[in-house]
Amino acid sequence: MENEQKKQTEEEKKQLSAEQQEQERMELLRRAAETPGKQLQFDSFNNELREVDELRAMIGAQFENPEEKFQAYYNGMRKVLMQFLPSGKDFKQARDIIYDEKNVFLNLGKKKSDNNGVRGSDGRMTFQPVMNEMVDIIINWVSTSQNPFTLYNTLYELNEKHGYGHEEYDDTTLNYANAMRKLKDTE
């Protein structure tokens, strides 16, 4: 009889523990969904969760090391864009136009259309203030609208402001880019 009670108590503890773990997982997922662009980190010393804005932390560092710049580009900007821009074949053209505007800025106006499809520059190695500005724009976009048209128009205007120009496209892509610009007027 006593063994049965011990077994029952142990099973109740396991069930309770499993329920608590499930509640903790659900809380983590809920909090992660509330703060796009931020990570939850467990502080084992204080036994608590805290939010860490990894992109902002990366901005504070100096990226004079090419490997660090590579990480900032791919694990920062590119990863966030891939996560928040619409996916699928139907949206490829929109993503490509946004990526082109981003790359024109990062490469200080160098475009693929200037050199038969070769940019002759690498945005991952851009100057740190340029990379910081792009990261700030992407962070702001993720935290405010997450509308691809808004991001495109922000990047388009940024390139205009610096006199960098834009990629030249075939008629289909040019029409799409123009339509995206016109949608700005309806916002």
N, C-alpha and C. Protein backbone atom coordinates (compact mmCIF):
# COMPACT_ATOMS: atom_id res chain seq x y z
N MET A 1 0.82 -1.19 0.00
CA MET A 1 0.00 0.00 0.00
C MET A 1 0.87 1.26 0.00
N GLU A 2 1.92 1.27 0.83
CA GLU A 2 2.80 2.42 0.91
C GLU A 2 3.55 2.64 -0.41
N ASN A 3 3.96 1.53 -1.05
CA ASN A 3 4.64 1.62 -2.35
C ASN A 3 3.72 2.24 -3.40
N GLU A 4 2.43 1.86 -3.36
CA GLU A 4 1.47 2.41 -4.31
C GLU A 4 1.31 3.91 -4.10
N GLN A 5 1.29 4.35 -2.86
CA GLN A 5 1.16 5.78 -2.55
C GLN A 5 2.40 6.54 -3.04
N LYS A 6 3.60 5.95 -2.86
CA LYS A 6 4.83 6.58 -3.33
C LYS A 6 4.81 6.69 -4.85
N LYS A 7 4.38 5.62 -5.52
CA LYS A 7 4.31 5.65 -6.98
C LYS A 7 3.34 6.72 -7.45
N GLN A 8 2.19 6.79 -6.77
CA GLN A 8 1.18 7.76 -7.15
C GLN A 8 1.72 9.18 -6.92
N THR A 9 2.40 9.42 -5.81
CA THR A 9 2.96 10.73 -5.52
C THR A 9 4.03 11.10 -6.55
N GLU A 10 4.88 10.15 -6.91
CA GLU A 10 5.92 10.41 -7.92
C GLU A 10 5.29 10.72 -9.26
N GLU A 11 4.23 9.99 -9.63
CA GLU A 11 3.55 10.25 -10.89
C GLU A 11 2.89 11.62 -10.88
N GLU A 12 2.31 12.00 -9.75
CA GLU A 12 1.69 13.32 -9.64
C GLU A 12 2.75 14.41 -9.77
N LYS A 13 3.93 14.20 -9.17
CA LYS A 13 5.02 15.17 -9.27
C LYS A 13 5.48 15.30 -10.72
N LYS A 14 5.61 14.16 -11.41
CA LYS A 14 6.02 14.18 -12.82
C LYS A 14 5.01 14.93 -13.66
N GLN A 15 3.72 14.65 -13.40
CA GLN A 15 2.66 15.30 -14.17
C GLN A 15 2.67 16.80 -13.88
N LEU A 16 2.80 17.17 -12.62
CA LEU A 16 2.85 18.57 -12.25
C LEU A 16 4.06 19.25 -12.88
N SER A 17 5.20 18.57 -12.85
CA SER A 17 6.42 19.12 -13.44
C SER A 17 6.23 19.30 -14.94
N ALA A 18 5.64 18.32 -15.60
CA ALA A 18 5.40 18.43 -17.04
C ALA A 18 4.46 19.59 -17.35
N GLU A 19 3.44 19.78 -16.52
CA GLU A 19 2.51 20.90 -16.71
C GLU A 19 3.22 22.24 -16.52
N GLN A 20 4.09 22.31 -15.51
CA GLN A 20 4.83 23.54 -15.26
C GLN A 20 5.78 23.84 -16.43
N GLN A 21 6.44 22.81 -16.93
CA GLN A 21 7.33 23.00 -18.07
C GLN A 21 6.55 23.49 -19.28
N GLU A 22 5.39 22.92 -19.51
CA GLU A 22 4.55 23.34 -20.63
C GLU A 22 4.13 24.80 -20.47
N GLN A 23 3.77 25.19 -19.26
CA GLN A 23 3.39 26.58 -18.99
C GLN A 23 4.57 27.52 -19.24
N GLU A 24 5.76 27.10 -18.83
CA GLU A 24 6.95 27.91 -19.05
C GLU A 24 7.24 28.06 -20.55
N ARG A 25 7.10 26.97 -21.30
CA ARG A 25 7.31 27.03 -22.74
C ARG A 25 6.30 27.97 -23.39
N MET A 26 5.06 27.87 -22.99
CA MET A 26 4.03 28.74 -23.55
C MET A 26 4.31 30.20 -23.21
N GLU A 27 4.79 30.47 -22.01
CA GLU A 27 5.13 31.84 -21.62
C GLU A 27 6.30 32.36 -22.45
N LEU A 28 7.30 31.52 -22.68
CA LEU A 28 8.43 31.91 -23.52
C LEU A 28 7.97 32.25 -24.93
N LEU A 29 7.14 31.40 -25.49
CA LEU A 29 6.63 31.63 -26.84
C LEU A 29 5.79 32.92 -26.89
N ARG A 30 4.97 33.14 -25.89
CA ARG A 30 4.14 34.34 -25.86
C ARG A 30 5.02 35.60 -25.80
N ARG A 31 6.02 35.58 -24.93
CA ARG A 31 6.89 36.75 -24.79
C ARG A 31 7.74 36.97 -26.03
N ALA A 32 8.17 35.89 -26.66
CA ALA A 32 8.97 36.03 -27.87
C ALA A 32 8.14 36.66 -28.98
N ALA A 33 6.88 36.32 -29.06
CA ALA A 33 6.01 36.87 -30.09
C ALA A 33 5.71 38.35 -29.85
N GLU A 34 5.78 38.81 -28.63
CA GLU A 34 5.49 40.20 -28.30
C GLU A 34 6.60 41.15 -28.72
N THR A 35 7.83 40.67 -28.83
CA THR A 35 8.95 41.57 -29.05
C THR A 35 9.76 41.13 -30.26
N PRO A 36 9.30 41.45 -31.48
CA PRO A 36 10.07 41.07 -32.65
C PRO A 36 11.43 41.75 -32.67
N GLY A 37 12.44 41.00 -33.11
CA GLY A 37 13.78 41.53 -33.18
C GLY A 37 14.57 41.41 -31.89
N LYS A 38 13.95 40.83 -30.87
CA LYS A 38 14.65 40.66 -29.59
C LYS A 38 14.67 39.18 -29.23
N GLN A 39 15.62 38.82 -28.40
CA GLN A 39 15.77 37.45 -27.96
C GLN A 39 15.51 37.37 -26.47
N LEU A 40 14.97 36.25 -26.05
CA LEU A 40 14.86 35.99 -24.62
C LEU A 40 16.09 35.21 -24.19
N GLN A 41 16.66 35.60 -23.07
CA GLN A 41 17.86 34.94 -22.59
C GLN A 41 17.65 34.58 -21.12
N PHE A 42 18.04 33.37 -20.76
CA PHE A 42 17.89 32.93 -19.38
C PHE A 42 19.15 33.28 -18.62
N ASP A 43 18.99 34.02 -17.54
CA ASP A 43 20.10 34.40 -16.67
C ASP A 43 20.13 33.40 -15.52
N SER A 44 21.03 32.41 -15.59
CA SER A 44 21.07 31.36 -14.58
C SER A 44 21.55 31.88 -13.22
N PHE A 45 22.32 32.95 -13.23
CA PHE A 45 22.81 33.51 -11.97
C PHE A 45 21.66 34.08 -11.15
N ASN A 46 20.78 34.83 -11.82
CA ASN A 46 19.62 35.43 -11.13
C ASN A 46 18.35 34.60 -11.30
N ASN A 47 18.44 33.52 -12.06
CA ASN A 47 17.31 32.63 -12.30
C ASN A 47 16.10 33.40 -12.86
N GLU A 48 16.35 34.17 -13.94
CA GLU A 48 15.27 34.95 -14.53
C GLU A 48 15.48 35.07 -16.03
N LEU A 49 14.41 35.44 -16.72
CA LEU A 49 14.47 35.70 -18.15
C LEU A 49 14.67 37.19 -18.38
N ARG A 50 15.41 37.53 -19.44
CA ARG A 50 15.54 38.93 -19.79
C ARG A 50 15.57 39.04 -21.31
N GLU A 51 15.15 40.18 -21.79
CA GLU A 51 15.15 40.43 -23.22
C GLU A 51 16.48 41.03 -23.63
N VAL A 52 17.01 40.55 -24.73
CA VAL A 52 18.27 41.07 -25.25
C VAL A 52 18.04 41.43 -26.70
N ASP A 53 18.29 42.66 -27.05
CA ASP A 53 18.19 43.10 -28.42
C ASP A 53 19.56 42.87 -29.06
N GLU A 54 19.70 41.71 -29.70
CA GLU A 54 21.01 41.31 -30.21
C GLU A 54 21.52 42.25 -31.29
N LEU A 55 20.63 42.73 -32.15
CA LEU A 55 21.09 43.62 -33.21
C LEU A 55 21.64 44.92 -32.62
N ARG A 56 20.95 45.47 -31.63
CA ARG A 56 21.45 46.70 -31.00
C ARG A 56 22.79 46.44 -30.32
N ALA A 57 22.95 45.28 -29.69
CA ALA A 57 24.21 44.95 -29.04
C ALA A 57 25.34 44.84 -30.07
N MET A 58 25.00 44.27 -31.24
CA MET A 58 26.01 44.13 -32.29
C MET A 58 26.41 45.49 -32.85
N ILE A 59 25.46 46.43 -32.90
CA ILE A 59 25.76 47.75 -33.43
C ILE A 59 26.81 48.44 -32.58
N GLY A 60 26.74 48.23 -31.27
CA GLY A 60 27.67 48.89 -30.38
C GLY A 60 29.11 48.45 -30.58
N ALA A 61 29.31 47.29 -31.15
CA ALA A 61 30.67 46.78 -31.36
C ALA A 61 31.27 47.43 -32.60
N GLN A 62 32.57 47.47 -32.66
CA GLN A 62 33.25 47.96 -33.85
C GLN A 62 33.46 46.78 -34.80
N PHE A 63 33.06 46.94 -36.04
CA PHE A 63 33.14 45.86 -37.02
C PHE A 63 34.27 46.10 -38.01
N GLU A 64 35.45 46.19 -37.53
CA GLU A 64 36.57 46.35 -38.43
C GLU A 64 37.13 45.00 -38.83
N ASN A 65 36.66 43.96 -38.21
CA ASN A 65 37.06 42.60 -38.53
C ASN A 65 36.10 42.06 -39.59
N PRO A 66 36.61 41.63 -40.74
CA PRO A 66 35.72 41.14 -41.80
C PRO A 66 34.81 40.00 -41.35
N GLU A 67 35.29 39.12 -40.48
CA GLU A 67 34.45 38.02 -40.01
C GLU A 67 33.28 38.54 -39.18
N GLU A 68 33.54 39.55 -38.35
CA GLU A 68 32.47 40.14 -37.55
C GLU A 68 31.45 40.85 -38.43
N LYS A 69 31.93 41.52 -39.47
CA LYS A 69 31.01 42.17 -40.41
C LYS A 69 30.16 41.14 -41.13
N PHE A 70 30.76 40.04 -41.50
CA PHE A 70 30.03 38.94 -42.14
C PHE A 70 28.90 38.47 -41.22
N GLN A 71 29.21 38.28 -39.93
CA GLN A 71 28.21 37.85 -38.96
C GLN A 71 27.09 38.89 -38.82
N ALA A 72 27.46 40.15 -38.78
CA ALA A 72 26.45 41.21 -38.65
C ALA A 72 25.53 41.23 -39.86
N TYR A 73 26.12 41.03 -41.02
CA TYR A 73 25.32 41.05 -42.25
C TYR A 73 24.37 39.85 -42.31
N TYR A 74 24.92 38.65 -42.16
CA TYR A 74 24.10 37.45 -42.34
C TYR A 74 23.25 37.09 -41.12
N ASN A 75 23.80 37.24 -39.92
CA ASN A 75 23.03 36.88 -38.73
C ASN A 75 22.25 38.07 -38.19
N GLY A 76 22.48 39.23 -38.73
CA GLY A 76 21.74 40.41 -38.33
C GLY A 76 20.73 40.79 -39.40
N MET A 77 21.17 41.63 -40.32
CA MET A 77 20.27 42.17 -41.34
C MET A 77 19.58 41.10 -42.17
N ARG A 78 20.35 40.25 -42.79
CA ARG A 78 19.78 39.27 -43.73
C ARG A 78 18.81 38.32 -43.02
N LYS A 79 19.19 37.85 -41.86
CA LYS A 79 18.34 36.91 -41.11
C LYS A 79 17.00 37.55 -40.76
N VAL A 80 17.04 38.80 -40.30
CA VAL A 80 15.80 39.49 -39.95
C VAL A 80 14.94 39.71 -41.18
N LEU A 81 15.55 40.13 -42.27
CA LEU A 81 14.78 40.33 -43.50
C LEU A 81 14.15 39.02 -43.97
N MET A 82 14.90 37.95 -43.93
CA MET A 82 14.35 36.66 -44.35
C MET A 82 13.20 36.23 -43.45
N GLN A 83 13.28 36.59 -42.19
CA GLN A 83 12.23 36.20 -41.24
C GLN A 83 10.97 37.04 -41.43
N PHE A 84 11.11 38.33 -41.74
CA PHE A 84 9.95 39.21 -41.73
C PHE A 84 9.41 39.60 -43.10
N LEU A 85 10.18 39.40 -44.17
CA LEU A 85 9.63 39.65 -45.50
C LEU A 85 8.78 38.46 -45.91
N PRO A 86 7.74 38.68 -46.72
CA PRO A 86 6.89 37.56 -47.14
C PRO A 86 7.71 36.52 -47.90
N SER A 87 7.39 35.26 -47.67
CA SER A 87 8.14 34.19 -48.32
C SER A 87 7.32 33.60 -49.46
N GLY A 88 7.96 32.77 -50.25
CA GLY A 88 7.28 32.08 -51.34
C GLY A 88 7.58 32.70 -52.69
N LYS A 89 7.28 31.94 -53.73
CA LYS A 89 7.55 32.37 -55.10
C LYS A 89 6.79 33.63 -55.48
N ASP A 90 5.58 33.78 -54.96
CA ASP A 90 4.75 34.93 -55.32
C ASP A 90 5.38 36.25 -54.88
N PHE A 91 6.22 36.22 -53.87
CA PHE A 91 6.79 37.44 -53.33
C PHE A 91 8.28 37.61 -53.65
N LYS A 92 8.83 36.71 -54.48
CA LYS A 92 10.26 36.77 -54.79
C LYS A 92 10.65 38.10 -55.42
N GLN A 93 9.87 38.57 -56.35
CA GLN A 93 10.20 39.82 -57.04
C GLN A 93 10.23 40.99 -56.05
N ALA A 94 9.28 41.03 -55.15
CA ALA A 94 9.27 42.10 -54.14
C ALA A 94 10.51 42.01 -53.24
N ARG A 95 10.83 40.80 -52.79
CA ARG A 95 12.02 40.63 -51.95
C ARG A 95 13.28 41.05 -52.69
N ASP A 96 13.40 40.65 -53.95
CA ASP A 96 14.60 40.99 -54.73
C ASP A 96 14.76 42.50 -54.89
N ILE A 97 13.66 43.20 -55.12
CA ILE A 97 13.74 44.65 -55.27
C ILE A 97 14.17 45.30 -53.95
N ILE A 98 13.65 44.80 -52.85
CA ILE A 98 14.04 45.33 -51.53
C ILE A 98 15.51 45.04 -51.27
N TYR A 99 15.94 43.80 -51.56
CA TYR A 99 17.36 43.45 -51.37
C TYR A 99 18.26 44.32 -52.25
N ASP A 100 17.82 44.59 -53.48
CA ASP A 100 18.62 45.45 -54.36
C ASP A 100 18.79 46.85 -53.79
N GLU A 101 17.70 47.43 -53.29
CA GLU A 101 17.79 48.77 -52.70
C GLU A 101 18.73 48.75 -51.49
N LYS A 102 18.62 47.71 -50.67
CA LYS A 102 19.50 47.57 -49.50
C LYS A 102 20.96 47.49 -49.96
N ASN A 103 21.21 46.69 -50.98
CA ASN A 103 22.59 46.50 -51.44
C ASN A 103 23.15 47.73 -52.14
N VAL A 104 22.33 48.49 -52.85
CA VAL A 104 22.80 49.74 -53.45
C VAL A 104 23.29 50.67 -52.34
N PHE A 105 22.54 50.75 -51.25
CA PHE A 105 22.95 51.61 -50.14
C PHE A 105 24.22 51.09 -49.48
N LEU A 106 24.24 49.79 -49.15
CA LEU A 106 25.42 49.24 -48.47
C LEU A 106 26.68 49.36 -49.31
N ASN A 107 26.53 49.35 -50.64
CA ASN A 107 27.68 49.44 -51.54
C ASN A 107 27.91 50.86 -52.03
N LEU A 108 27.34 51.84 -51.32
CA LEU A 108 27.56 53.25 -51.60
C LEU A 108 27.25 53.62 -53.05
N GLY A 109 26.16 53.06 -53.56
CA GLY A 109 25.68 53.42 -54.89
C GLY A 109 26.11 52.50 -56.01
N LYS A 110 26.95 51.52 -55.73
CA LYS A 110 27.36 50.60 -56.80
C LYS A 110 26.21 49.64 -57.09
N LYS A 111 25.89 49.49 -58.38
CA LYS A 111 24.76 48.67 -58.79
C LYS A 111 25.21 47.58 -59.75
N LYS A 112 24.49 46.48 -59.74
CA LYS A 112 24.76 45.40 -60.69
C LYS A 112 24.50 45.88 -62.11
N SER A 113 23.49 46.72 -62.28
CA SER A 113 23.13 47.17 -63.62
C SER A 113 24.18 48.09 -64.23
N ASP A 114 25.12 48.60 -63.44
CA ASP A 114 26.19 49.45 -63.96
C ASP A 114 27.28 48.64 -64.66
N ASN A 115 27.43 47.37 -64.29
CA ASN A 115 28.56 46.57 -64.79
C ASN A 115 28.12 45.20 -65.28
N ASN A 116 27.09 45.14 -66.07
CA ASN A 116 26.63 43.87 -66.66
C ASN A 116 26.42 42.78 -65.61
N GLY A 117 25.76 43.13 -64.51
CA GLY A 117 25.42 42.13 -63.50
C GLY A 117 26.44 41.92 -62.42
N VAL A 118 27.55 42.67 -62.44
CA VAL A 118 28.58 42.54 -61.41
C VAL A 118 28.65 43.86 -60.66
N ARG A 119 28.43 43.82 -59.38
CA ARG A 119 28.41 45.04 -58.57
C ARG A 119 29.82 45.58 -58.35
N GLY A 120 30.80 44.70 -58.17
CA GLY A 120 32.17 45.14 -57.94
C GLY A 120 32.39 45.66 -56.52
N SER A 121 31.53 45.24 -55.61
CA SER A 121 31.63 45.68 -54.23
C SER A 121 30.91 44.66 -53.36
N ASP A 122 31.21 44.64 -52.07
CA ASP A 122 30.60 43.68 -51.17
C ASP A 122 30.00 44.41 -49.97
N GLY A 123 28.66 44.38 -49.86
CA GLY A 123 27.97 45.09 -48.80
C GLY A 123 28.32 44.63 -47.40
N ARG A 124 28.83 43.41 -47.26
CA ARG A 124 29.22 42.91 -45.93
C ARG A 124 30.43 43.65 -45.40
N MET A 125 31.20 44.26 -46.30
CA MET A 125 32.44 44.93 -45.90
C MET A 125 32.29 46.45 -45.91
N THR A 126 31.07 46.93 -45.91
CA THR A 126 30.84 48.37 -45.98
C THR A 126 31.36 49.06 -44.72
N PHE A 127 31.39 50.37 -44.75
CA PHE A 127 31.83 51.14 -43.59
C PHE A 127 30.84 50.93 -42.45
N GLN A 128 31.35 50.95 -41.24
CA GLN A 128 30.52 50.68 -40.07
C GLN A 128 29.34 51.64 -39.93
N PRO A 129 29.49 52.94 -40.12
CA PRO A 129 28.32 53.82 -40.01
C PRO A 129 27.23 53.49 -41.02
N VAL A 130 27.62 53.04 -42.20
CA VAL A 130 26.64 52.67 -43.23
C VAL A 130 25.88 51.42 -42.78
N MET A 131 26.62 50.43 -42.27
CA MET A 131 25.97 49.22 -41.78
C MET A 131 25.06 49.54 -40.60
N ASN A 132 25.50 50.40 -39.70
CA ASN A 132 24.69 50.78 -38.55
C ASN A 132 23.38 51.44 -38.99
N GLU A 133 23.47 52.30 -39.98
CA GLU A 133 22.26 52.97 -40.46
C GLU A 133 21.27 51.97 -41.04
N MET A 134 21.77 51.00 -41.79
CA MET A 134 20.89 49.99 -42.38
C MET A 134 20.26 49.12 -41.29
N VAL A 135 21.05 48.72 -40.31
CA VAL A 135 20.51 47.92 -39.22
C VAL A 135 19.43 48.70 -38.47
N ASP A 136 19.68 49.99 -38.23
CA ASP A 136 18.67 50.82 -37.56
C ASP A 136 17.38 50.89 -38.36
N ILE A 137 17.49 51.02 -39.66
CA ILE A 137 16.30 51.08 -40.52
C ILE A 137 15.53 49.77 -40.43
N ILE A 138 16.23 48.66 -40.50
CA ILE A 138 15.57 47.35 -40.45
C ILE A 138 14.93 47.12 -39.09
N ILE A 139 15.63 47.47 -38.03
CA ILE A 139 15.07 47.31 -36.67
C ILE A 139 13.81 48.16 -36.52
N ASN A 140 13.89 49.38 -36.99
CA ASN A 140 12.73 50.27 -36.90
C ASN A 140 11.56 49.70 -37.72
N TRP A 141 11.84 49.19 -38.89
CA TRP A 141 10.79 48.60 -39.74
C TRP A 141 10.15 47.40 -39.06
N VAL A 142 10.96 46.53 -38.46
CA VAL A 142 10.41 45.35 -37.79
C VAL A 142 9.56 45.75 -36.59
N SER A 143 10.00 46.76 -35.87
CA SER A 143 9.28 47.14 -34.65
C SER A 143 8.06 48.02 -34.92
N THR A 144 7.95 48.57 -36.13
CA THR A 144 6.80 49.44 -36.39
C THR A 144 5.82 48.83 -37.38
N SER A 145 6.18 48.68 -38.63
CA SER A 145 5.17 48.30 -39.61
C SER A 145 5.27 46.87 -40.12
N GLN A 146 6.46 46.41 -40.43
CA GLN A 146 6.70 45.10 -41.06
C GLN A 146 6.00 45.00 -42.41
N ASN A 147 5.64 46.13 -42.99
CA ASN A 147 5.03 46.17 -44.31
C ASN A 147 6.16 46.28 -45.34
N PRO A 148 6.26 45.33 -46.28
CA PRO A 148 7.35 45.37 -47.26
C PRO A 148 7.37 46.66 -48.09
N PHE A 149 6.20 47.22 -48.39
CA PHE A 149 6.16 48.45 -49.16
C PHE A 149 6.80 49.60 -48.38
N THR A 150 6.58 49.63 -47.09
CA THR A 150 7.17 50.66 -46.25
C THR A 150 8.68 50.55 -46.25
N LEU A 151 9.20 49.33 -46.12
CA LEU A 151 10.65 49.13 -46.13
C LEU A 151 11.23 49.52 -47.48
N TYR A 152 10.59 49.09 -48.56
CA TYR A 152 11.08 49.43 -49.90
C TYR A 152 11.15 50.95 -50.07
N ASN A 153 10.09 51.64 -49.71
CA ASN A 153 10.06 53.09 -49.87
C ASN A 153 11.09 53.78 -48.99
N THR A 154 11.31 53.27 -47.79
CA THR A 154 12.33 53.84 -46.91
C THR A 154 13.71 53.69 -47.54
N LEU A 155 14.00 52.50 -48.08
CA LEU A 155 15.31 52.27 -48.71
C LEU A 155 15.45 53.08 -50.00
N TYR A 156 14.37 53.17 -50.76
CA TYR A 156 14.38 53.96 -52.00
C TYR A 156 14.72 55.41 -51.69
N GLU A 157 14.04 55.98 -50.69
CA GLU A 157 14.28 57.38 -50.32
C GLU A 157 15.68 57.57 -49.74
N LEU A 158 16.18 56.58 -49.02
CA LEU A 158 17.54 56.65 -48.48
C LEU A 158 18.55 56.74 -49.62
N ASN A 159 18.38 55.93 -50.64
CA ASN A 159 19.29 55.97 -51.79
C ASN A 159 19.15 57.29 -52.55
N GLU A 160 17.94 57.81 -52.64
CA GLU A 160 17.72 59.11 -53.27
C GLU A 160 18.46 60.20 -52.48
N LYS A 161 18.32 60.17 -51.18
CA LYS A 161 18.94 61.17 -50.30
C LYS A 161 20.45 61.22 -50.50
N HIS A 162 21.07 60.06 -50.69
CA HIS A 162 22.52 60.00 -50.86
C HIS A 162 22.96 60.10 -52.32
N GLY A 163 22.00 60.20 -53.22
CA GLY A 163 22.33 60.32 -54.65
C GLY A 163 22.86 59.04 -55.26
N TYR A 164 22.49 57.89 -54.71
CA TYR A 164 23.01 56.61 -55.19
C TYR A 164 22.26 56.06 -56.39
N GLY A 165 21.05 56.47 -56.62
CA GLY A 165 20.27 55.91 -57.71
C GLY A 165 19.73 54.54 -57.34
N HIS A 166 19.29 53.80 -58.36
CA HIS A 166 18.62 52.52 -58.13
C HIS A 166 19.00 51.55 -59.24
N GLU A 167 18.76 50.28 -58.97
CA GLU A 167 19.01 49.26 -60.00
C GLU A 167 18.11 49.53 -61.20
N GLU A 168 18.61 49.21 -62.38
CA GLU A 168 17.79 49.30 -63.59
C GLU A 168 17.30 47.89 -63.90
N TYR A 169 16.00 47.81 -64.18
CA TYR A 169 15.37 46.51 -64.34
C TYR A 169 14.77 46.37 -65.74
N ASP A 170 14.38 45.13 -66.06
CA ASP A 170 13.60 44.93 -67.27
C ASP A 170 12.21 45.55 -67.04
N ASP A 171 11.38 45.61 -68.07
CA ASP A 171 10.09 46.30 -67.97
C ASP A 171 9.20 45.72 -66.88
N THR A 172 9.17 44.39 -66.73
CA THR A 172 8.29 43.77 -65.74
C THR A 172 8.67 44.20 -64.33
N THR A 173 9.95 44.09 -64.00
CA THR A 173 10.41 44.45 -62.67
C THR A 173 10.29 45.95 -62.45
N LEU A 174 10.57 46.73 -63.49
CA LEU A 174 10.44 48.18 -63.37
C LEU A 174 9.00 48.57 -63.07
N ASN A 175 8.05 47.92 -63.75
CA ASN A 175 6.63 48.19 -63.48
C ASN A 175 6.28 47.84 -62.04
N TYR A 176 6.80 46.72 -61.55
CA TYR A 176 6.54 46.30 -60.18
C TYR A 176 7.12 47.31 -59.19
N ALA A 177 8.35 47.75 -59.44
CA ALA A 177 8.99 48.73 -58.55
C ALA A 177 8.20 50.04 -58.57
N ASN A 178 7.76 50.47 -59.73
CA ASN A 178 6.96 51.70 -59.82
C ASN A 178 5.64 51.55 -59.07
N ALA A 179 5.02 50.40 -59.16
CA ALA A 179 3.77 50.15 -58.43
C ALA A 179 4.01 50.23 -56.93
N MET A 180 5.14 49.69 -56.47
CA MET A 180 5.46 49.76 -55.04
C MET A 180 5.65 51.21 -54.62
N ARG A 181 6.26 52.03 -55.46
CA ARG A 181 6.46 53.45 -55.15
C ARG A 181 5.11 54.17 -55.09
N LYS A 182 4.20 53.82 -56.01
CA LYS A 182 2.89 54.47 -56.02
C LYS A 182 2.07 54.10 -54.80
N LEU A 183 2.25 52.89 -54.29
CA LEU A 183 1.51 52.48 -53.09
C LEU A 183 1.87 53.36 -51.91
N LYS A 184 3.05 53.95 -51.95
CA LYS A 184 3.47 54.85 -50.86
C LYS A 184 2.48 56.01 -50.73
N ASP A 185 2.00 56.48 -51.87
CA ASP A 185 1.08 57.61 -51.86
C ASP A 185 -0.26 57.27 -51.22
N THR A 186 -0.60 55.97 -51.19
CA THR A 186 -1.88 55.57 -50.61
C THR A 186 -1.78 55.27 -49.13
N GLU A 187 -0.57 55.22 -48.59
CA GLU A 187 -0.40 54.92 -47.15
C GLU A 187 -0.84 56.08 -46.29
